[in-house]
Structure formats: structure tokens, C-alpha cells
Amino acid sequence: MKKVGIYEAKTHFTKWIDQVAEGETLIITRHGKPVAIMNSYEPADKTDLKQVKNELRHLRKEKTLKGQSVRQMIEEGRR
């Protein structure tokens, strides 16, 4: 991890972005005290839609509305 002052980070921003993109972590300091961390972006894994659909089906089997329709529950909540 490298430490860089705000002025240096601002002045050479492109240079530091390139290093961060290569995996370097950068701590940005103000008057020697850390104020921010720059690290590379790692996108989240894509969600498997089939798995989500199966989990929803499983949830629907476990949880019931106890004989009520959604409309009845909405009306009951309005009282």
C-alpha cells in the first residue's frame, strides 16, 4: 500500500489510477493522516437467475398466506 498526499494524488491522478487498476491500493492522506483509500473495482458476480427462481419457489412452499388472498390482506391492512 502506498501513501500519497491529496495534492500529489490530484496532480498525478491518471498515474495513480493506472497503478490502482493494476492492483495497487493507494491511501490518500491529508496532513499525513489517512482520509481515503483507492483500490481497483471488482464487479460482483452475476446472479444466477435460475437459482433465484428456484429459491423463490421454495420460499413460496414454506410460507403461506394462511388461506387469505393478497387482496384480503391489503384490505385488512387498511382498517
PDB file of N, CA and C in Angstrom:
ATOM      1  N   MET A   1       0.838  -1.180   0.000  1.00  0.00           N
ATOM      2  CA  MET A   1       0.000   0.000   0.000  1.00  0.00           C
ATOM      3  C   MET A   1       0.879   1.238   0.000  1.00  0.00           C
ATOM      4  N   LYS A   2       0.562   2.128  -0.886  1.00  0.00           N
ATOM      5  CA  LYS A   2       1.301   3.389  -0.961  1.00  0.00           C
ATOM      6  C   LYS A   2       0.479   4.493  -0.321  1.00  0.00           C
ATOM      7  N   LYS A   3       1.166   5.429   0.301  1.00  0.00           N
ATOM      8  CA  LYS A   3       0.510   6.608   0.861  1.00  0.00           C
ATOM      9  C   LYS A   3       0.886   7.808   0.023  1.00  0.00           C
ATOM     10  N   VAL A   4      -0.126   8.612  -0.316  1.00  0.00           N
ATOM     11  CA  VAL A   4       0.074   9.777  -1.170  1.00  0.00           C
ATOM     12  C   VAL A   4      -0.752  10.926  -0.609  1.00  0.00           C
ATOM     13  N   GLY A   5      -0.167  12.102  -0.583  1.00  0.00           N
ATOM     14  CA  GLY A   5      -0.903  13.282  -0.148  1.00  0.00           C
ATOM     15  C   GLY A   5      -1.949  13.685  -1.178  1.00  0.00           C
ATOM     16  N   ILE A   6      -2.932  14.430  -0.736  1.00  0.00           N
ATOM     17  CA  ILE A   6      -4.023  14.851  -1.620  1.00  0.00           C
ATOM     18  C   ILE A   6      -3.487  15.624  -2.821  1.00  0.00           C
ATOM     19  N   TYR A   7      -2.566  16.544  -2.599  1.00  0.00           N
ATOM     20  CA  TYR A   7      -2.035  17.334  -3.709  1.00  0.00           C
ATOM     21  C   TYR A   7      -1.376  16.425  -4.750  1.00  0.00           C
ATOM     22  N   GLU A   8      -0.549  15.496  -4.296  1.00  0.00           N
ATOM     23  CA  GLU A   8       0.117  14.561  -5.195  1.00  0.00           C
ATOM     24  C   GLU A   8      -0.903  13.701  -5.942  1.00  0.00           C
ATOM     25  N   ALA A   9      -1.921  13.216  -5.233  1.00  0.00           N
ATOM     26  CA  ALA A   9      -2.959  12.385  -5.859  1.00  0.00           C
ATOM     27  C   ALA A   9      -3.707  13.169  -6.928  1.00  0.00           C
ATOM     28  N   LYS A  10      -4.006  14.432  -6.631  1.00  0.00           N
ATOM     29  CA  LYS A  10      -4.723  15.278  -7.587  1.00  0.00           C
ATOM     30  C   LYS A  10      -3.855  15.611  -8.798  1.00  0.00           C
ATOM     31  N   THR A  11      -2.627  15.934  -8.549  1.00  0.00           N
ATOM     32  CA  THR A  11      -1.726  16.346  -9.610  1.00  0.00           C
ATOM     33  C   THR A  11      -1.418  15.211 -10.587  1.00  0.00           C
ATOM     34  N   HIS A  12      -1.269  14.013 -10.066  1.00  0.00           N
ATOM     35  CA  HIS A  12      -0.894  12.852 -10.888  1.00  0.00           C
ATOM     36  C   HIS A  12      -1.989  11.785 -10.865  1.00  0.00           C
ATOM     37  N   PHE A  13      -3.225  12.239 -10.932  1.00  0.00           N
ATOM     38  CA  PHE A  13      -4.373  11.342 -10.795  1.00  0.00           C
ATOM     39  C   PHE A  13      -4.328  10.178 -11.793  1.00  0.00           C
ATOM     40  N   THR A  14      -4.056  10.459 -13.046  1.00  0.00           N
ATOM     41  CA  THR A  14      -4.035   9.420 -14.075  1.00  0.00           C
ATOM     42  C   THR A  14      -2.985   8.359 -13.758  1.00  0.00           C
ATOM     43  N   LYS A  15      -1.842   8.787 -13.307  1.00  0.00           N
ATOM     44  CA  LYS A  15      -0.768   7.854 -12.934  1.00  0.00           C
ATOM     45  C   LYS A  15      -1.241   6.913 -11.824  1.00  0.00           C
ATOM     46  N   TRP A  16      -1.896   7.492 -10.810  1.00  0.00           N
ATOM     47  CA  TRP A  16      -2.344   6.670  -9.681  1.00  0.00           C
ATOM     48  C   TRP A  16      -3.498   5.754 -10.077  1.00  0.00           C
ATOM     49  N   ILE A  17      -4.367   6.234 -10.952  1.00  0.00           N
ATOM     50  CA  ILE A  17      -5.461   5.380 -11.439  1.00  0.00           C
ATOM     51  C   ILE A  17      -4.894   4.169 -12.167  1.00  0.00           C
ATOM     52  N   ASP A  18      -3.868   4.385 -12.986  1.00  0.00           N
ATOM     53  CA  ASP A  18      -3.242   3.270 -13.700  1.00  0.00           C
ATOM     54  C   ASP A  18      -2.666   2.245 -12.725  1.00  0.00           C
ATOM     55  N   GLN A  19      -2.026   2.723 -11.664  1.00  0.00           N
ATOM     56  CA  GLN A  19      -1.446   1.799 -10.686  1.00  0.00           C
ATOM     57  C   GLN A  19      -2.530   1.056  -9.911  1.00  0.00           C
ATOM     58  N   VAL A  20      -3.594   1.756  -9.574  1.00  0.00           N
ATOM     59  CA  VAL A  20      -4.705   1.112  -8.871  1.00  0.00           C
ATOM     60  C   VAL A  20      -5.352   0.047  -9.764  1.00  0.00           C
ATOM     61  N   ALA A  21      -5.493   0.353 -11.049  1.00  0.00           N
ATOM     62  CA  ALA A  21      -6.069  -0.608 -11.990  1.00  0.00           C
ATOM     63  C   ALA A  21      -5.218  -1.876 -12.089  1.00  0.00           C
ATOM     64  N   GLU A  22      -3.923  -1.749 -11.817  1.00  0.00           N
ATOM     65  CA  GLU A  22      -3.025  -2.896 -11.851  1.00  0.00           C
ATOM     66  C   GLU A  22      -3.008  -3.659 -10.539  1.00  0.00           C
ATOM     67  N   GLY A  23      -3.813  -3.221  -9.565  1.00  0.00           N
ATOM     68  CA  GLY A  23      -3.921  -3.959  -8.310  1.00  0.00           C
ATOM     69  C   GLY A  23      -3.341  -3.267  -7.098  1.00  0.00           C
ATOM     70  N   GLU A  24      -2.697  -2.141  -7.283  1.00  0.00           N
ATOM     71  CA  GLU A  24      -2.119  -1.397  -6.156  1.00  0.00           C
ATOM     72  C   GLU A  24      -3.241  -0.747  -5.346  1.00  0.00           C
ATOM     73  N   THR A  25      -3.081  -0.705  -4.028  1.00  0.00           N
ATOM     74  CA  THR A  25      -4.009   0.028  -3.170  1.00  0.00           C
ATOM     75  C   THR A  25      -3.318   1.316  -2.749  1.00  0.00           C
ATOM     76  N   LEU A  26      -4.046   2.405  -2.785  1.00  0.00           N
ATOM     77  CA  LEU A  26      -3.482   3.718  -2.514  1.00  0.00           C
ATOM     78  C   LEU A  26      -4.222   4.356  -1.336  1.00  0.00           C
ATOM     79  N   ILE A  27      -3.468   4.794  -0.357  1.00  0.00           N
ATOM     80  CA  ILE A  27      -4.052   5.528   0.771  1.00  0.00           C
ATOM     81  C   ILE A  27      -3.776   7.011   0.518  1.00  0.00           C
ATOM     82  N   ILE A  28      -4.823   7.801   0.504  1.00  0.00           N
ATOM     83  CA  ILE A  28      -4.683   9.249   0.290  1.00  0.00           C
ATOM     84  C   ILE A  28      -4.714   9.922   1.660  1.00  0.00           C
ATOM     85  N   THR A  29      -3.734  10.776   1.879  1.00  0.00           N
ATOM     86  CA  THR A  29      -3.617  11.423   3.187  1.00  0.00           C
ATOM     87  C   THR A  29      -3.791  12.932   3.080  1.00  0.00           C
ATOM     88  N   ARG A  30      -4.197  13.522   4.194  1.00  0.00           N
ATOM     89  CA  ARG A  30      -4.265  14.979   4.338  1.00  0.00           C
ATOM     90  C   ARG A  30      -3.460  15.320   5.590  1.00  0.00           C
ATOM     91  N   HIS A  31      -2.411  16.069   5.407  1.00  0.00           N
ATOM     92  CA  HIS A  31      -1.508  16.419   6.512  1.00  0.00           C
ATOM     93  C   HIS A  31      -1.001  15.164   7.221  1.00  0.00           C
ATOM     94  N   GLY A  32      -0.721  14.130   6.429  1.00  0.00           N
ATOM     95  CA  GLY A  32      -0.159  12.887   6.962  1.00  0.00           C
ATOM     96  C   GLY A  32      -1.162  11.914   7.552  1.00  0.00           C
ATOM     97  N   LYS A  33      -2.432  12.298   7.602  1.00  0.00           N
ATOM     98  CA  LYS A  33      -3.465  11.414   8.174  1.00  0.00           C
ATOM     99  C   LYS A  33      -4.291  10.804   7.044  1.00  0.00           C
ATOM    100  N   PRO A  34      -4.516   9.496   7.071  1.00  0.00           N
ATOM    101  CA  PRO A  34      -5.310   8.833   6.019  1.00  0.00           C
ATOM    102  C   PRO A  34      -6.745   9.369   5.985  1.00  0.00           C
ATOM    103  N   VAL A  35      -7.226   9.677   4.762  1.00  0.00           N
ATOM    104  CA  VAL A  35      -8.594  10.165   4.596  1.00  0.00           C
ATOM    105  C   VAL A  35      -9.385   9.338   3.588  1.00  0.00           C
ATOM    106  N   ALA A  36      -8.679   8.582   2.733  1.00  0.00           N
ATOM    107  CA  ALA A  36      -9.385   7.792   1.719  1.00  0.00           C
ATOM    108  C   ALA A  36      -8.496   6.647   1.252  1.00  0.00           C
ATOM    109  N   ILE A  37      -9.159   5.642   0.711  1.00  0.00           N
ATOM    110  CA  ILE A  37      -8.455   4.510   0.114  1.00  0.00           C
ATOM    111  C   ILE A  37      -8.943   4.354  -1.314  1.00  0.00           C
ATOM    112  N   MET A  38      -8.002   4.189  -2.228  1.00  0.00           N
ATOM    113  CA  MET A  38      -8.348   3.878  -3.622  1.00  0.00           C
ATOM    114  C   MET A  38      -7.888   2.459  -3.894  1.00  0.00           C
ATOM    115  N   ASN A  39      -8.810   1.645  -4.387  1.00  0.00           N
ATOM    116  CA  ASN A  39      -8.421   0.309  -4.825  1.00  0.00           C
ATOM    117  C   ASN A  39      -9.215  -0.048  -6.064  1.00  0.00           C
ATOM    118  N   SER A  40      -8.821  -1.116  -6.730  1.00  0.00           N
ATOM    119  CA  SER A  40      -9.446  -1.455  -8.005  1.00  0.00           C
ATOM    120  C   SER A  40     -10.876  -1.942  -7.806  1.00  0.00           C
ATOM    121  N   TYR A  41     -11.671  -1.716  -8.813  1.00  0.00           N
ATOM    122  CA  TYR A  41     -13.074  -2.110  -8.810  1.00  0.00           C
ATOM    123  C   TYR A  41     -13.183  -3.577  -9.208  1.00  0.00           C
ATOM    124  N   GLU A  42     -13.928  -4.322  -8.431  1.00  0.00           N
ATOM    125  CA  GLU A  42     -14.181  -5.720  -8.752  1.00  0.00           C
ATOM    126  C   GLU A  42     -15.690  -5.904  -8.839  1.00  0.00           C
ATOM    127  N   PRO A  43     -16.207  -6.113 -10.040  1.00  0.00           N
ATOM    128  CA  PRO A  43     -17.653  -6.260 -10.178  1.00  0.00           C
ATOM    129  C   PRO A  43     -18.155  -7.508  -9.451  1.00  0.00           C
ATOM    130  N   ALA A  44     -19.365  -7.410  -8.955  1.00  0.00           N
ATOM    131  CA  ALA A  44     -19.980  -8.550  -8.276  1.00  0.00           C
ATOM    132  C   ALA A  44     -20.270  -9.649  -9.290  1.00  0.00           C
ATOM    133  N   ASP A  45     -20.289 -10.864  -8.794  1.00  0.00           N
ATOM    134  CA  ASP A  45     -20.625 -11.988  -9.666  1.00  0.00           C
ATOM    135  C   ASP A  45     -22.048 -11.836 -10.174  1.00  0.00           C
ATOM    136  N   LYS A  46     -22.269 -12.310 -11.378  1.00  0.00           N
ATOM    137  CA  LYS A  46     -23.621 -12.253 -11.927  1.00  0.00           C
ATOM    138  C   LYS A  46     -24.520 -13.207 -11.144  1.00  0.00           C
ATOM    139  N   THR A  47     -25.736 -12.789 -10.932  1.00  0.00           N
ATOM    140  CA  THR A  47     -26.696 -13.605 -10.223  1.00  0.00           C
ATOM    141  C   THR A  47     -27.247 -14.661 -11.164  1.00  0.00           C
ATOM    142  N   ASP A  48     -27.290 -15.887 -10.680  1.00  0.00           N
ATOM    143  CA  ASP A  48     -27.851 -16.978 -11.458  1.00  0.00           C
ATOM    144  C   ASP A  48     -29.373 -16.908 -11.332  1.00  0.00           C
ATOM    145  N   LEU A  49     -30.045 -16.480 -12.403  1.00  0.00           N
ATOM    146  CA  LEU A  49     -31.489 -16.269 -12.349  1.00  0.00           C
ATOM    147  C   LEU A  49     -32.252 -17.559 -12.097  1.00  0.00           C
ATOM    148  N   LYS A  50     -31.751 -18.676 -12.599  1.00  0.00           N
ATOM    149  CA  LYS A  50     -32.426 -19.959 -12.336  1.00  0.00           C
ATOM    150  C   LYS A  50     -32.387 -20.285 -10.849  1.00  0.00           C
ATOM    151  N   GLN A  51     -31.257 -19.995 -10.206  1.00  0.00           N
ATOM    152  CA  GLN A  51     -31.144 -20.249  -8.778  1.00  0.00           C
ATOM    153  C   GLN A  51     -32.108 -19.355  -8.000  1.00  0.00           C
ATOM    154  N   VAL A  52     -32.212 -18.097  -8.384  1.00  0.00           N
ATOM    155  CA  VAL A  52     -33.131 -17.175  -7.709  1.00  0.00           C
ATOM    156  C   VAL A  52     -34.563 -17.661  -7.868  1.00  0.00           C
ATOM    157  N   LYS A  53     -34.918 -18.092  -9.080  1.00  0.00           N
ATOM    158  CA  LYS A  53     -36.268 -18.582  -9.335  1.00  0.00           C
ATOM    159  C   LYS A  53     -36.562 -19.810  -8.466  1.00  0.00           C
ATOM    160  N   ASN A  54     -35.614 -20.718  -8.360  1.00  0.00           N
ATOM    161  CA  ASN A  54     -35.811 -21.917  -7.531  1.00  0.00           C
ATOM    162  C   ASN A  54     -35.944 -21.558  -6.053  1.00  0.00           C
ATOM    163  N   GLU A  55     -35.157 -20.593  -5.607  1.00  0.00           N
ATOM    164  CA  GLU A  55     -35.253 -20.158  -4.212  1.00  0.00           C
ATOM    165  C   GLU A  55     -36.607 -19.517  -3.920  1.00  0.00           C
ATOM    166  N   LEU A  56     -37.133 -18.741  -4.869  1.00  0.00           N
ATOM    167  CA  LEU A  56     -38.458 -18.134  -4.691  1.00  0.00           C
ATOM    168  C   LEU A  56     -39.544 -19.205  -4.629  1.00  0.00           C
ATOM    169  N   ARG A  57     -39.437 -20.202  -5.488  1.00  0.00           N
ATOM    170  CA  ARG A  57     -40.412 -21.310  -5.445  1.00  0.00           C
ATOM    171  C   ARG A  57     -40.361 -22.025  -4.107  1.00  0.00           C
ATOM    172  N   HIS A  58     -39.157 -22.262  -3.616  1.00  0.00           N
ATOM    173  CA  HIS A  58     -39.002 -22.933  -2.324  1.00  0.00           C
ATOM    174  C   HIS A  58     -39.608 -22.077  -1.207  1.00  0.00           C
ATOM    175  N   LEU A  59     -39.374 -20.777  -1.256  1.00  0.00           N
ATOM    176  CA  LEU A  59     -39.914 -19.863  -0.257  1.00  0.00           C
ATOM    177  C   LEU A  59     -41.439 -19.870  -0.283  1.00  0.00           C
ATOM    178  N   ARG A  60     -42.019 -19.902  -1.488  1.00  0.00           N
ATOM    179  CA  ARG A  60     -43.487 -19.911  -1.609  1.00  0.00           C
ATOM    180  C   ARG A  60     -44.079 -21.166  -1.002  1.00  0.00           C
ATOM    181  N   LYS A  61     -43.361 -22.284  -1.080  1.00  0.00           N
ATOM    182  CA  LYS A  61     -43.860 -23.522  -0.480  1.00  0.00           C
ATOM    183  C   LYS A  61     -43.788 -23.467   1.038  1.00  0.00           C
ATOM    184  N   GLU A  62     -42.748 -22.811   1.569  1.00  0.00           N
ATOM    185  CA  GLU A  62     -42.577 -22.717   3.019  1.00  0.00           C
ATOM    186  C   GLU A  62     -43.545 -21.729   3.654  1.00  0.00           C
ATOM    187  N   LYS A  63     -43.732 -20.593   3.034  1.00  0.00           N
ATOM    188  CA  LYS A  63     -44.543 -19.523   3.615  1.00  0.00           C
ATOM    189  C   LYS A  63     -45.905 -19.497   2.930  1.00  0.00           C
ATOM    190  N   THR A  64     -46.935 -19.428   3.740  1.00  0.00           N
ATOM    191  CA  THR A  64     -48.283 -19.364   3.186  1.00  0.00           C
ATOM    192  C   THR A  64     -48.971 -18.093   3.670  1.00  0.00           C
ATOM    193  N   LEU A  65     -50.062 -17.783   3.040  1.00  0.00           N
ATOM    194  CA  LEU A  65     -50.862 -16.625   3.446  1.00  0.00           C
ATOM    195  C   LEU A  65     -51.972 -17.025   4.407  1.00  0.00           C
ATOM    196  N   LYS A  66     -51.922 -18.245   4.888  1.00  0.00           N
ATOM    197  CA  LYS A  66     -52.895 -18.781   5.853  1.00  0.00           C
ATOM    198  C   LYS A  66     -54.319 -18.654   5.336  1.00  0.00           C
ATOM    199  N   GLY A  67     -54.507 -19.020   4.074  1.00  0.00           N
ATOM    200  CA  GLY A  67     -55.838 -19.048   3.492  1.00  0.00           C
ATOM    201  C   GLY A  67     -56.350 -17.708   2.991  1.00  0.00           C
ATOM    202  N   GLN A  68     -55.620 -16.646   3.204  1.00  0.00           N
ATOM    203  CA  GLN A  68     -56.071 -15.340   2.764  1.00  0.00           C
ATOM    204  C   GLN A  68     -55.495 -15.017   1.385  1.00  0.00           C
ATOM    205  N   SER A  69     -56.236 -14.239   0.646  1.00  0.00           N
ATOM    206  CA  SER A  69     -55.711 -13.751  -0.626  1.00  0.00           C
ATOM    207  C   SER A  69     -54.926 -12.476  -0.354  1.00  0.00           C
ATOM    208  N   VAL A  70     -54.128 -12.103  -1.299  1.00  0.00           N
ATOM    209  CA  VAL A  70     -53.371 -10.858  -1.171  1.00  0.00           C
ATOM    210  C   VAL A  70     -54.339  -9.687  -1.031  1.00  0.00           C
ATOM    211  N   ARG A  71     -55.423  -9.696  -1.796  1.00  0.00           N
ATOM    212  CA  ARG A  71     -56.422  -8.630  -1.727  1.00  0.00           C
ATOM    213  C   ARG A  71     -56.997  -8.531  -0.314  1.00  0.00           C
ATOM    214  N   GLN A  72     -57.334  -9.672   0.319  1.00  0.00           N
ATOM    215  CA  GLN A  72     -57.874  -9.654   1.680  1.00  0.00           C
ATOM    216  C   GLN A  72     -56.860  -9.049   2.655  1.00  0.00           C
ATOM    217  N   MET A  73     -55.603  -9.400   2.466  1.00  0.00           N
ATOM    218  CA  MET A  73     -54.573  -8.868   3.369  1.00  0.00           C
ATOM    219  C   MET A  73     -54.422  -7.348   3.187  1.00  0.00           C
ATOM    220  N   ILE A  74     -54.519  -6.879   1.955  1.00  0.00           N
ATOM    221  CA  ILE A  74     -54.429  -5.443   1.707  1.00  0.00           C
ATOM    222  C   ILE A  74     -55.592  -4.721   2.368  1.00  0.00           C
ATOM    223  N   GLU A  75     -56.797  -5.247   2.193  1.00  0.00           N
ATOM    224  CA  GLU A  75     -57.972  -4.641   2.793  1.00  0.00           C
ATOM    225  C   GLU A  75     -57.888  -4.651   4.309  1.00  0.00           C
ATOM    226  N   GLU A  76     -57.382  -5.720   4.873  1.00  0.00           N
ATOM    227  CA  GLU A  76     -57.248  -5.819   6.321  1.00  0.00           C
ATOM    228  C   GLU A  76     -56.248  -4.779   6.838  1.00  0.00           C
ATOM    229  N   GLY A  77     -55.201  -4.538   6.076  1.00  0.00           N
ATOM    230  CA  GLY A  77     -54.204  -3.553   6.470  1.00  0.00           C
ATOM    231  C   GLY A  77     -54.731  -2.134   6.406  1.00  0.00           C
ATOM    232  N   ARG A  78     -55.776  -1.875   5.638  1.00  0.00           N
ATOM    233  CA  ARG A  78     -56.332  -0.532   5.500  1.00  0.00           C
ATOM    234  C   ARG A  78     -57.256  -0.163   6.634  1.00  0.00           C
ATOM    235  N   ARG A  79     -57.649  -1.127   7.420  1.00  0.00           N
ATOM    236  CA  ARG A  79     -58.601  -0.850   8.511  1.00  0.00           C
ATOM    237  C   ARG A  79     -57.943  -0.184   9.660  1.00  0.00           C
TER     238      ARG A  79
END
